[in-house]
Amino acid sequence: MEWLGRAAPGVEPWAGQVADAACHLVDATGPGDWSAAAAEDALDAIDTLVEALGSTGESIAQALAVVAAATNSARRHLGIAVEEQAQEPEPAAAATVPTPRRARPRRRGLGPGFQGIRTDH
């Protein structure tokens, strides 16, 4: 793929921070450690990443369409409100990434510039 290796300034460090944050979240949580707000934030983050990666090309968008459909299904199972879209495609039949439920998810938490929690281990 031609576009790999030509990241815009700041993309690789941000992507690395997202991956690190996801690992920290996995390490900090178990089945009973989630609130509705935390689950919604995590699903919003997944949707945002799917949208960003899907914008790189049609084949990537098609491959990620099932993820976008799965986050909406997860919201339903968790009792989190889902903004219904006109004729939401089935995961297997999805041709493109569905429009996210919000243009940008509302931010909660520590916000920009958060560097993580450091411990003396």
Protein backbone atom coordinates (compact mmCIF):
# COMPACT_ATOMS: atom_id res chain seq x y z
CA MET A 1 0.00 0.00 0.00
CA GLU A 2 1.44 3.23 -1.16
CA TRP A 3 0.28 5.45 1.71
CA LEU A 4 1.99 3.41 4.44
CA GLY A 5 5.14 5.05 5.71
CA ARG A 6 4.03 8.61 4.91
CA ALA A 7 2.38 9.61 8.16
CA ALA A 8 1.51 13.25 8.62
CA PRO A 9 3.41 15.08 11.35
CA GLY A 10 2.25 13.86 14.75
CA VAL A 11 0.27 10.86 13.50
CA GLU A 12 2.72 8.17 14.63
CA PRO A 13 3.19 9.57 18.16
CA TRP A 14 -0.59 9.99 18.60
CA ALA A 15 -1.24 6.47 17.31
CA GLY A 16 1.39 5.16 19.72
CA GLN A 17 -0.25 6.99 22.61
CA VAL A 18 -3.64 5.56 21.66
CA ALA A 19 -2.20 2.04 21.62
CA ASP A 20 -0.48 2.60 25.00
CA ALA A 21 -3.67 4.03 26.51
CA ALA A 22 -5.64 1.02 25.26
CA CYS A 23 -3.13 -1.34 26.89
CA HIS A 24 -3.34 0.59 30.18
CA LEU A 25 -7.14 0.39 30.03
CA VAL A 26 -7.03 -3.37 29.47
CA ASP A 27 -4.61 -3.78 32.39
CA ALA A 28 -6.82 -1.67 34.69
CA THR A 29 -10.18 -3.28 33.95
CA GLY A 30 -12.06 -6.50 34.37
CA PRO A 31 -15.67 -7.55 33.78
CA GLY A 32 -17.09 -5.61 36.74
CA ASP A 33 -14.95 -2.49 36.39
CA TRP A 34 -16.96 -0.64 33.73
CA SER A 35 -19.51 2.13 34.05
CA ALA A 36 -21.90 3.16 31.28
CA ALA A 37 -19.91 6.37 30.75
CA ALA A 38 -16.60 4.48 30.51
CA ALA A 39 -18.05 1.95 28.07
CA GLU A 40 -19.54 4.72 25.95
CA ASP A 41 -16.21 6.56 25.87
CA ALA A 42 -14.37 3.40 24.82
CA LEU A 43 -16.91 2.70 22.06
CA ASP A 44 -16.71 6.34 20.90
CA ALA A 45 -12.92 6.00 20.71
CA ILE A 46 -13.25 2.85 18.59
CA ASP A 47 -15.71 4.60 16.25
CA THR A 48 -13.39 7.59 15.91
CA LEU A 49 -10.41 5.37 15.05
CA VAL A 50 -12.50 3.40 12.54
CA GLU A 51 -13.55 6.66 10.89
CA ALA A 52 -9.95 7.91 10.76
CA LEU A 53 -8.53 4.69 9.31
CA GLY A 54 -11.50 4.28 6.97
CA SER A 55 -10.72 7.63 5.39
CA THR A 56 -7.49 6.16 3.99
CA GLY A 57 -9.26 4.22 1.27
CA GLU A 58 -12.35 2.33 0.19
CA SER A 59 -10.88 -1.14 0.83
CA ILE A 60 -9.92 -0.18 4.40
CA ALA A 61 -13.37 1.36 4.97
CA GLN A 62 -15.01 -1.86 3.77
CA ALA A 63 -12.83 -3.98 6.03
CA LEU A 64 -13.64 -1.80 9.06
CA ALA A 65 -17.40 -1.56 8.42
CA VAL A 66 -18.03 -4.59 10.61
CA VAL A 67 -16.28 -2.87 13.52
CA ALA A 68 -18.54 0.18 13.27
CA ALA A 69 -21.60 -2.07 13.19
CA ALA A 70 -20.26 -4.04 16.17
CA THR A 71 -19.86 -0.92 18.32
CA ASN A 72 -23.51 -0.03 17.71
CA SER A 73 -24.51 -3.59 18.61
CA ALA A 74 -22.41 -3.38 21.78
CA ARG A 75 -24.16 -0.14 22.72
CA ARG A 76 -27.54 -1.86 22.35
CA HIS A 77 -26.43 -4.81 24.51
CA LEU A 78 -25.13 -2.42 27.18
CA GLY A 79 -28.28 -0.29 27.13
CA ILE A 80 -26.44 2.76 25.79
CA ALA A 81 -28.53 4.91 23.47
CA VAL A 82 -27.71 4.48 19.78
CA GLU A 83 -28.63 7.19 17.31
CA GLU A 84 -30.28 5.15 14.59
CA GLN A 85 -29.22 5.80 11.03
CA ALA A 86 -31.41 5.36 8.00
CA GLN A 87 -31.13 1.75 6.85
CA GLU A 88 -28.14 0.72 8.95
CA PRO A 89 -26.38 -2.06 6.99
CA GLU A 90 -25.87 -5.54 8.36
CA PRO A 91 -22.20 -6.16 9.27
CA ALA A 92 -21.62 -8.74 6.50
CA ALA A 93 -23.26 -6.56 3.84
CA ALA A 94 -21.66 -3.25 4.81
CA ALA A 95 -19.83 -1.59 1.92
CA THR A 96 -18.52 1.46 3.75
CA VAL A 97 -18.04 2.62 7.30
CA PRO A 98 -21.36 3.95 8.60
CA THR A 99 -21.40 7.60 9.59
CA PRO A 100 -20.45 7.83 13.26
CA ARG A 101 -23.24 8.64 15.68
CA ARG A 102 -21.66 12.02 16.33
CA ALA A 103 -19.25 14.07 14.23
CA ARG A 104 -16.86 14.07 17.17
CA PRO A 105 -17.49 12.26 20.42
CA ARG A 106 -17.83 14.52 23.41
CA ARG A 107 -14.70 14.46 25.49
CA ARG A 108 -14.68 13.50 29.10
CA GLY A 109 -11.75 12.70 31.27
CA LEU A 110 -8.36 14.28 31.51
CA GLY A 111 -8.25 15.89 28.08
CA PRO A 112 -5.39 16.98 25.83
CA GLY A 113 -1.90 16.86 27.23
CA PHE A 114 -2.54 14.00 29.66
CA GLN A 115 0.69 12.04 29.92
CA GLY A 116 -0.57 9.08 31.94
CA ILE A 117 -0.08 8.10 35.53
CA ARG A 118 3.45 7.33 36.48
CA THR A 119 4.28 4.90 39.27
CA ASP A 120 7.56 4.00 40.87
CA HIS A 121 7.82 0.35 39.82
